[in-house]
Amino acid sequence: RLRCDVLRVRDGALVPAWVYVAAARAVPGPR
């Protein structure tokens, strides 16, 4: 769980948010 700046579509503002990104044990498939 990382704090990241996310682009809010309605006004283009960058908003800080929690984002769950793949951890080391995750095995991502095709992009």
Full PDB file with SEQRES, HELIX, SHEET, SSBOND, CRYST1, ORIGX, SCALE, CONECT and MASTER records, all heavy atoms in Angstrom:
SEQRES   1 A   31  ARG LEU ARG CYS ASP VAL LEU ARG VAL ARG ASP GLY ALA          
SEQRES   2 A   31  LEU VAL PRO ALA TRP VAL TYR VAL ALA ALA ALA ARG ALA          
SEQRES   3 A   31  VAL PRO GLY PRO ARG                                          
SHEET    1 AA1 2 LEU A   2  LEU A   7  0                                        
SHEET    2 AA1 2 LEU A  14  VAL A  19 -1                                        
CRYST1    1.000    1.000    1.000  90.00  90.00  90.00 P 1           1          
ORIGX1      1.000000  0.000000  0.000000        0.00000                         
ORIGX2      0.000000  1.000000  0.000000        0.00000                         
ORIGX3      0.000000  0.000000  1.000000        0.00000                         
SCALE1      1.000000  0.000000  0.000000        0.00000                         
SCALE2      0.000000  1.000000  0.000000        0.00000                         
SCALE3      0.000000  0.000000  1.000000        0.00000                         
ATOM      1  N   ARG A   1       0.869  -1.180   0.000  1.00  0.00           N  
ATOM      2  CA  ARG A   1       0.000   0.000   0.000  1.00  0.00           C  
ATOM      3  C   ARG A   1       0.903   1.226   0.000  1.00  0.00           C  
ATOM      4  O   ARG A   1       1.634   1.471   0.944  1.00  0.00           O  
ATOM      5  CB  ARG A   1      -0.935   0.000   1.215  1.00  0.00           C  
ATOM      6  CG  ARG A   1      -1.817   1.248   1.241  1.00  0.00           C  
ATOM      7  CD  ARG A   1      -2.920   1.235   2.278  1.00  0.00           C  
ATOM      8  NE  ARG A   1      -2.736   0.520   3.502  1.00  0.00           N  
ATOM      9  CZ  ARG A   1      -2.267   1.056   4.640  1.00  0.00           C  
ATOM     10  NH1 ARG A   1      -1.887   2.323   4.692  1.00  0.00           N  
ATOM     11  NH2 ARG A   1      -2.175   0.319   5.733  1.00  0.00           N  
ATOM     12  N   LEU A   2       0.849   1.985  -1.102  1.00  0.00           N  
ATOM     13  CA  LEU A   2       1.707   3.154  -1.272  1.00  0.00           C  
ATOM     14  C   LEU A   2       0.877   4.428  -1.392  1.00  0.00           C  
ATOM     15  O   LEU A   2      -0.209   4.418  -1.971  1.00  0.00           O  
ATOM     16  CB  LEU A   2       2.565   3.027  -2.538  1.00  0.00           C  
ATOM     17  CG  LEU A   2       3.456   1.799  -2.663  1.00  0.00           C  
ATOM     18  CD1 LEU A   2       4.183   1.832  -4.007  1.00  0.00           C  
ATOM     19  CD2 LEU A   2       4.436   1.714  -1.508  1.00  0.00           C  
ATOM     20  N   ARG A   3       1.434   5.512  -0.889  1.00  0.00           N  
ATOM     21  CA  ARG A   3       0.829   6.838  -1.096  1.00  0.00           C  
ATOM     22  C   ARG A   3       1.315   7.327  -2.453  1.00  0.00           C  
ATOM     23  O   ARG A   3       2.517   7.453  -2.683  1.00  0.00           O  
ATOM     24  CB  ARG A   3       1.277   7.795   0.004  1.00  0.00           C  
ATOM     25  CG  ARG A   3       0.639   9.157  -0.098  1.00  0.00           C  
ATOM     26  CD  ARG A   3       1.313  10.112   0.899  1.00  0.00           C  
ATOM     27  NE  ARG A   3       0.674  11.388   0.939  1.00  0.00           N  
ATOM     28  CZ  ARG A   3       0.872  12.364   0.036  1.00  0.00           C  
ATOM     29  NH1 ARG A   3       1.707  12.193  -0.963  1.00  0.00           N  
ATOM     30  NH2 ARG A   3       0.230  13.516   0.153  1.00  0.00           N  
ATOM     31  N   CYS A   4       0.387   7.564  -3.368  1.00  0.00           N  
ATOM     32  CA  CYS A   4       0.714   8.004  -4.728  1.00  0.00           C  
ATOM     33  C   CYS A   4      -0.182   9.177  -5.104  1.00  0.00           C  
ATOM     34  O   CYS A   4      -1.305   9.292  -4.616  1.00  0.00           O  
ATOM     35  CB  CYS A   4       0.469   6.879  -5.731  1.00  0.00           C  
ATOM     36  SG  CYS A   4       1.431   5.390  -5.468  1.00  0.00           S  
ATOM     37  N   ASP A   5       0.306  10.003  -6.002  1.00  0.00           N  
ATOM     38  CA  ASP A   5      -0.538  11.068  -6.557  1.00  0.00           C  
ATOM     39  C   ASP A   5      -1.322  10.503  -7.726  1.00  0.00           C  
ATOM     40  O   ASP A   5      -0.758   9.923  -8.654  1.00  0.00           O  
ATOM     41  CB  ASP A   5       0.317  12.255  -7.007  1.00  0.00           C  
ATOM     42  CG  ASP A   5       0.864  13.048  -5.836  1.00  0.00           C  
ATOM     43  OD1 ASP A   5       0.218  13.052  -4.772  1.00  0.00           O  
ATOM     44  OD2 ASP A   5       1.931  13.660  -5.990  1.00  0.00           O  
ATOM     45  N   VAL A   6      -2.634  10.678  -7.664  1.00  0.00           N  
ATOM     46  CA  VAL A   6      -3.560  10.150  -8.662  1.00  0.00           C  
ATOM     47  C   VAL A   6      -4.238  11.326  -9.353  1.00  0.00           C  
ATOM     48  O   VAL A   6      -4.599  12.315  -8.705  1.00  0.00           O  
ATOM     49  CB  VAL A   6      -4.598   9.235  -7.964  1.00  0.00           C  
ATOM     50  CG1 VAL A   6      -5.655   8.764  -8.931  1.00  0.00           C  
ATOM     51  CG2 VAL A   6      -3.893   8.056  -7.299  1.00  0.00           C  
ATOM     52  N   LEU A   7      -4.413  11.226 -10.646  1.00  0.00           N  
ATOM     53  CA  LEU A   7      -5.049  12.277 -11.427  1.00  0.00           C  
ATOM     54  C   LEU A   7      -6.566  12.105 -11.382  1.00  0.00           C  
ATOM     55  O   LEU A   7      -7.103  11.096 -11.844  1.00  0.00           O  
ATOM     56  CB  LEU A   7      -4.563  12.203 -12.881  1.00  0.00           C  
ATOM     57  CG  LEU A   7      -5.073  13.279 -13.816  1.00  0.00           C  
ATOM     58  CD1 LEU A   7      -4.454  14.626 -13.458  1.00  0.00           C  
ATOM     59  CD2 LEU A   7      -4.736  12.897 -15.241  1.00  0.00           C  
ATOM     60  N   ARG A   8      -7.259  13.078 -10.804  1.00  0.00           N  
ATOM     61  CA  ARG A   8      -8.722  13.059 -10.744  1.00  0.00           C  
ATOM     62  C   ARG A   8      -9.242  13.545 -12.089  1.00  0.00           C  
ATOM     63  O   ARG A   8      -8.910  14.638 -12.542  1.00  0.00           O  
ATOM     64  CB  ARG A   8      -9.211  13.945  -9.602  1.00  0.00           C  
ATOM     65  CG  ARG A   8     -10.692  13.843  -9.338  1.00  0.00           C  
ATOM     66  CD  ARG A   8     -11.114  14.528  -8.062  1.00  0.00           C  
ATOM     67  NE  ARG A   8     -10.591  15.895  -8.007  1.00  0.00           N  
ATOM     68  CZ  ARG A   8     -10.356  16.560  -6.886  1.00  0.00           C  
ATOM     69  NH1 ARG A   8     -10.575  15.996  -5.720  1.00  0.00           N  
ATOM     70  NH2 ARG A   8      -9.902  17.795  -6.920  1.00  0.00           N  
ATOM     71  N   VAL A   9     -10.056  12.755 -12.764  1.00  0.00           N  
ATOM     72  CA  VAL A   9     -10.503  13.047 -14.124  1.00  0.00           C  
ATOM     73  C   VAL A   9     -11.330  14.322 -14.211  1.00  0.00           C  
ATOM     74  O   VAL A   9     -11.142  15.127 -15.120  1.00  0.00           O  
ATOM     75  CB  VAL A   9     -11.279  11.838 -14.710  1.00  0.00           C  
ATOM     76  CG1 VAL A   9     -11.942  12.192 -16.022  1.00  0.00           C  
ATOM     77  CG2 VAL A   9     -10.341  10.649 -14.880  1.00  0.00           C  
ATOM     78  N   ARG A  10     -12.230  14.562 -13.265  1.00  0.00           N  
ATOM     79  CA  ARG A  10     -13.174  15.681 -13.402  1.00  0.00           C  
ATOM     80  C   ARG A  10     -12.502  17.044 -13.479  1.00  0.00           C  
ATOM     81  O   ARG A  10     -13.009  17.951 -14.125  1.00  0.00           O  
ATOM     82  CB  ARG A  10     -14.228  15.665 -12.303  1.00  0.00           C  
ATOM     83  CG  ARG A  10     -13.754  16.036 -10.924  1.00  0.00           C  
ATOM     84  CD  ARG A  10     -14.932  16.100  -9.933  1.00  0.00           C  
ATOM     85  NE  ARG A  10     -14.494  15.988  -8.579  1.00  0.00           N  
ATOM     86  CZ  ARG A  10     -14.132  17.026  -7.827  1.00  0.00           C  
ATOM     87  NH1 ARG A  10     -14.155  18.236  -8.329  1.00  0.00           N  
ATOM     88  NH2 ARG A  10     -13.736  16.832  -6.592  1.00  0.00           N  
ATOM     89  N   ASP A  11     -11.348  17.207 -12.824  1.00  0.00           N  
ATOM     90  CA  ASP A  11     -10.706  18.531 -12.847  1.00  0.00           C  
ATOM     91  C   ASP A  11      -9.208  18.488 -13.117  1.00  0.00           C  
ATOM     92  O   ASP A  11      -8.544  19.520 -13.117  1.00  0.00           O  
ATOM     93  CB  ASP A  11     -10.969  19.269 -11.532  1.00  0.00           C  
ATOM     94  CG  ASP A  11     -10.440  18.553 -10.311  1.00  0.00           C  
ATOM     95  OD1 ASP A  11      -9.790  17.490 -10.461  1.00  0.00           O  
ATOM     96  OD2 ASP A  11     -10.694  19.038  -9.191  1.00  0.00           O  
ATOM     97  N   GLY A  12      -8.650  17.310 -13.355  1.00  0.00           N  
ATOM     98  CA  GLY A  12      -7.228  17.190 -13.653  1.00  0.00           C  
ATOM     99  C   GLY A  12      -6.316  17.395 -12.462  1.00  0.00           C  
ATOM    100  O   GLY A  12      -5.095  17.476 -12.608  1.00  0.00           O  
ATOM    101  N   ALA A  13      -6.874  17.466 -11.262  1.00  0.00           N  
ATOM    102  CA  ALA A  13      -6.063  17.682 -10.059  1.00  0.00           C  
ATOM    103  C   ALA A  13      -5.336  16.404  -9.665  1.00  0.00           C  
ATOM    104  O   ALA A  13      -5.865  15.298  -9.809  1.00  0.00           O  
ATOM    105  CB  ALA A  13      -6.952  18.135  -8.902  1.00  0.00           C  
ATOM    106  N   LEU A  14      -4.108  16.566  -9.162  1.00  0.00           N  
ATOM    107  CA  LEU A  14      -3.384  15.443  -8.574  1.00  0.00           C  
ATOM    108  C   LEU A  14      -3.796  15.334  -7.114  1.00  0.00           C  
ATOM    109  O   LEU A  14      -3.715  16.302  -6.363  1.00  0.00           O  
ATOM    110  CB  LEU A  14      -1.876  15.651  -8.691  1.00  0.00           C  
ATOM    111  CG  LEU A  14      -1.291  15.419 -10.069  1.00  0.00           C  
ATOM    112  CD1 LEU A  14       0.196  15.757 -10.087  1.00  0.00           C  
ATOM    113  CD2 LEU A  14      -1.510  13.983 -10.533  1.00  0.00           C  
ATOM    114  N   VAL A  15      -4.262  14.157  -6.729  1.00  0.00           N  
ATOM    115  CA  VAL A  15      -4.800  13.917  -5.398  1.00  0.00           C  
ATOM    116  C   VAL A  15      -4.010  12.784  -4.755  1.00  0.00           C  
ATOM    117  O   VAL A  15      -3.857  11.723  -5.365  1.00  0.00           O  
ATOM    118  CB  VAL A  15      -6.295  13.516  -5.499  1.00  0.00           C  
ATOM    119  CG1 VAL A  15      -6.868  13.172  -4.150  1.00  0.00           C  
ATOM    120  CG2 VAL A  15      -7.095  14.606  -6.190  1.00  0.00           C  
ATOM    121  N   PRO A  16      -3.502  12.967  -3.536  1.00  0.00           N  
ATOM    122  CA  PRO A  16      -2.822  11.852  -2.873  1.00  0.00           C  
ATOM    123  C   PRO A  16      -3.838  10.776  -2.501  1.00  0.00           C  
ATOM    124  O   PRO A  16      -4.948  11.075  -2.053  1.00  0.00           O  
ATOM    125  CB  PRO A  16      -2.193  12.488  -1.639  1.00  0.00           C  
ATOM    126  CG  PRO A  16      -2.973  13.733  -1.386  1.00  0.00           C  
ATOM    127  CD  PRO A  16      -3.512  14.183  -2.714  1.00  0.00           C  
ATOM    128  N   ALA A  17      -3.444   9.520  -2.715  1.00  0.00           N  
ATOM    129  CA  ALA A  17      -4.339   8.398  -2.430  1.00  0.00           C  
ATOM    130  C   ALA A  17      -3.511   7.172  -2.071  1.00  0.00           C  
ATOM    131  O   ALA A  17      -2.336   7.071  -2.443  1.00  0.00           O  
ATOM    132  CB  ALA A  17      -5.213   8.095  -3.649  1.00  0.00           C  
ATOM    133  N   TRP A  18      -4.144   6.243  -1.367  1.00  0.00           N  
ATOM    134  CA  TRP A  18      -3.526   4.941  -1.152  1.00  0.00           C  
ATOM    135  C   TRP A  18      -3.756   4.105  -2.402  1.00  0.00           C  
ATOM    136  O   TRP A  18      -4.867   4.057  -2.938  1.00  0.00           O  
ATOM    137  CB  TRP A  18      -4.149   4.229   0.041  1.00  0.00           C  
ATOM    138  CG  TRP A  18      -3.820   4.795   1.379  1.00  0.00           C  
ATOM    139  CD1 TRP A  18      -4.710   5.219   2.325  1.00  0.00           C  
ATOM    140  CD2 TRP A  18      -2.523   4.979   1.958  1.00  0.00           C  
ATOM    141  NE1 TRP A  18      -4.036   5.663   3.443  1.00  0.00           N  
ATOM    142  CE2 TRP A  18      -2.686   5.529   3.246  1.00  0.00           C  
ATOM    143  CE3 TRP A  18      -1.224   4.751   1.504  1.00  0.00           C  
ATOM    144  CZ2 TRP A  18      -1.620   5.831   4.082  1.00  0.00           C  
ATOM    145  CZ3 TRP A  18      -0.148   5.059   2.335  1.00  0.00           C  
ATOM    146  CH2 TRP A  18      -0.363   5.580   3.604  1.00  0.00           C  
ATOM    147  N   VAL A  19      -2.700   3.442  -2.853  1.00  0.00           N  
ATOM    148  CA  VAL A  19      -2.769   2.557  -4.015  1.00  0.00           C  
ATOM    149  C   VAL A  19      -2.106   1.240  -3.641  1.00  0.00           C  
ATOM    150  O   VAL A  19      -0.997   1.236  -3.091  1.00  0.00           O  
ATOM    151  CB  VAL A  19      -2.053   3.165  -5.238  1.00  0.00           C  
ATOM    152  CG1 VAL A  19      -2.168   2.240  -6.438  1.00  0.00           C  
ATOM    153  CG2 VAL A  19      -2.593   4.550  -5.571  1.00  0.00           C  
ATOM    154  N   TYR A  20      -2.762   0.145  -3.930  1.00  0.00           N  
ATOM    155  CA  TYR A  20      -2.182  -1.172  -3.710  1.00  0.00           C  
ATOM    156  C   TYR A  20      -1.492  -1.591  -5.006  1.00  0.00           C  
ATOM    157  O   TYR A  20      -2.144  -1.765  -6.037  1.00  0.00           O  
ATOM    158  CB  TYR A  20      -3.269  -2.180  -3.323  1.00  0.00           C  
ATOM    159  CG  TYR A  20      -3.873  -1.907  -1.965  1.00  0.00           C  
ATOM    160  CD1 TYR A  20      -4.989  -1.080  -1.827  1.00  0.00           C  
ATOM    161  CD2 TYR A  20      -3.315  -2.455  -0.814  1.00  0.00           C  
ATOM    162  CE1 TYR A  20      -5.544  -0.825  -0.582  1.00  0.00           C  
ATOM    163  CE2 TYR A  20      -3.867  -2.201   0.435  1.00  0.00           C  
ATOM    164  CZ  TYR A  20      -4.969  -1.392   0.546  1.00  0.00           C  
ATOM    165  OH  TYR A  20      -5.520  -1.129   1.783  1.00  0.00           O  
ATOM    166  N   VAL A  21      -0.165  -1.714  -4.958  1.00  0.00           N  
ATOM    167  CA  VAL A  21       0.636  -2.119  -6.109  1.00  0.00           C  
ATOM    168  C   VAL A  21       1.256  -3.483  -5.831  1.00  0.00           C  
ATOM    169  O   VAL A  21       1.410  -3.880  -4.674  1.00  0.00           O  
ATOM    170  CB  VAL A  21       1.714  -1.071  -6.466  1.00  0.00           C  
ATOM    171  CG1 VAL A  21       1.088   0.266  -6.816  1.00  0.00           C  
ATOM    172  CG2 VAL A  21       2.726  -0.923  -5.350  1.00  0.00           C  
ATOM    173  N   ALA A  22       1.634  -4.180  -6.885  1.00  0.00           N  
ATOM    174  CA  ALA A  22       2.186  -5.527  -6.748  1.00  0.00           C  
ATOM    175  C   ALA A  22       3.396  -5.547  -5.818  1.00  0.00           C  
ATOM    176  O   ALA A  22       4.300  -4.727  -5.944  1.00  0.00           O  
ATOM    177  CB  ALA A  22       2.574  -6.062  -8.120  1.00  0.00           C  
ATOM    178  N   ALA A  23       3.393  -6.483  -4.879  1.00  0.00           N  
ATOM    179  CA  ALA A  23       4.526  -6.683  -3.964  1.00  0.00           C  
ATOM    180  C   ALA A  23       5.471  -7.717  -4.570  1.00  0.00           C  
ATOM    181  O   ALA A  23       5.186  -8.320  -5.614  1.00  0.00           O  
ATOM    182  CB  ALA A  23       4.014  -7.152  -2.603  1.00  0.00           C  
ATOM    183  N   ALA A  24       6.563  -7.962  -3.894  1.00  0.00           N  
ATOM    184  CA  ALA A  24       7.610  -8.847  -4.407  1.00  0.00           C  
ATOM    185  C   ALA A  24       7.106 -10.252  -4.709  1.00  0.00           C  
ATOM    186  O   ALA A  24       7.532 -10.867  -5.682  1.00  0.00           O  
ATOM    187  CB  ALA A  24       8.774  -8.895  -3.421  1.00  0.00           C  
ATOM    188  N   ARG A  25       6.172 -10.785  -3.910  1.00  0.00           N  
ATOM    189  CA  ARG A  25       5.725 -12.164  -4.142  1.00  0.00           C  
ATOM    190  C   ARG A  25       4.643 -12.288  -5.227  1.00  0.00           C  
ATOM    191  O   ARG A  25       4.303 -13.393  -5.636  1.00  0.00           O  
ATOM    192  CB  ARG A  25       5.269 -12.805  -2.835  1.00  0.00           C  
ATOM    193  CG  ARG A  25       3.884 -12.477  -2.376  1.00  0.00           C  
ATOM    194  CD  ARG A  25       3.523 -13.352  -1.147  1.00  0.00           C  
ATOM    195  NE  ARG A  25       2.197 -13.061  -0.665  1.00  0.00           N  
ATOM    196  CZ  ARG A  25       1.131 -13.829  -0.930  1.00  0.00           C  
ATOM    197  NH1 ARG A  25       1.257 -14.902  -1.655  1.00  0.00           N  
ATOM    198  NH2 ARG A  25      -0.051 -13.491  -0.436  1.00  0.00           N  
ATOM    199  N   ALA A  26       4.140 -11.171  -5.711  1.00  0.00           N  
ATOM    200  CA  ALA A  26       3.127 -11.198  -6.781  1.00  0.00           C  
ATOM    201  C   ALA A  26       3.771 -11.692  -8.082  1.00  0.00           C  
ATOM    202  O   ALA A  26       4.950 -11.446  -8.334  1.00  0.00           O  
ATOM    203  CB  ALA A  26       2.540  -9.811  -6.980  1.00  0.00           C  
ATOM    204  N   VAL A  27       2.971 -12.376  -8.878  1.00  0.00           N  
ATOM    205  CA  VAL A  27       3.449 -12.865 -10.173  1.00  0.00           C  
ATOM    206  C   VAL A  27       2.546 -12.285 -11.257  1.00  0.00           C  
ATOM    207  O   VAL A  27       1.561 -12.907 -11.663  1.00  0.00           O  
ATOM    208  CB  VAL A  27       3.448 -14.410 -10.227  1.00  0.00           C  
ATOM    209  CG1 VAL A  27       3.991 -14.906 -11.563  1.00  0.00           C  
ATOM    210  CG2 VAL A  27       4.245 -14.996  -9.074  1.00  0.00           C  
ATOM    211  N   PRO A  28       2.863 -11.062 -11.709  1.00  0.00           N  
ATOM    212  CA  PRO A  28       2.025 -10.426 -12.738  1.00  0.00           C  
ATOM    213  C   PRO A  28       2.057 -11.208 -14.045  1.00  0.00           C  
ATOM    214  O   PRO A  28       3.096 -11.751 -14.435  1.00  0.00           O  
ATOM    215  CB  PRO A  28       2.652  -9.043 -12.904  1.00  0.00           C  
ATOM    216  CG  PRO A  28       3.446  -8.827 -11.653  1.00  0.00           C  
ATOM    217  CD  PRO A  28       3.925 -10.183 -11.243  1.00  0.00           C  
ATOM    218  N   GLY A  29       0.901 -11.229 -14.692  1.00  0.00           N  
ATOM    219  CA  GLY A  29       0.794 -11.866 -16.001  1.00  0.00           C  
ATOM    220  C   GLY A  29       1.031 -10.845 -17.099  1.00  0.00           C  
ATOM    221  O   GLY A  29       1.709  -9.836 -16.889  1.00  0.00           O  
ATOM    222  N   PRO A  30       0.435 -11.073 -18.269  1.00  0.00           N  
ATOM    223  CA  PRO A  30       0.631 -10.169 -19.402  1.00  0.00           C  
ATOM    224  C   PRO A  30       0.160  -8.748 -19.095  1.00  0.00           C  
ATOM    225  O   PRO A  30      -0.787  -8.543 -18.326  1.00  0.00           O  
ATOM    226  CB  PRO A  30      -0.229 -10.779 -20.514  1.00  0.00           C  
ATOM    227  CG  PRO A  30      -0.508 -12.179 -20.083  1.00  0.00           C  
ATOM    228  CD  PRO A  30      -0.428 -12.199 -18.597  1.00  0.00           C  
ATOM    229  N   ARG A  31       0.813  -7.808 -19.725  1.00  0.00           N  
ATOM    230  CA  ARG A  31       0.443  -6.394 -19.554  1.00  0.00           C  
ATOM    231  C   ARG A  31      -0.890  -6.118 -20.237  1.00  0.00           C  
ATOM    232  O   ARG A  31      -1.166  -6.635 -21.319  1.00  0.00           O  
ATOM    233  CB  ARG A  31       1.536  -5.498 -20.147  1.00  0.00           C  
ATOM    234  CG  ARG A  31       1.282  -4.040 -19.887  1.00  0.00           C  
ATOM    235  CD  ARG A  31       2.456  -3.196 -20.293  1.00  0.00           C  
ATOM    236  NE  ARG A  31       2.085  -1.798 -20.261  1.00  0.00           N  
ATOM    237  CZ  ARG A  31       2.868  -0.830 -20.657  1.00  0.00           C  
ATOM    238  NH1 ARG A  31       4.072  -1.092 -21.111  1.00  0.00           N  
ATOM    239  NH2 ARG A  31       2.451   0.412 -20.609  1.00  0.00           N  
TER     240      ARG A  31                                                      
MASTER        0    0    0    0    2    0    0    6  239    1    0    3          
END                                                                             
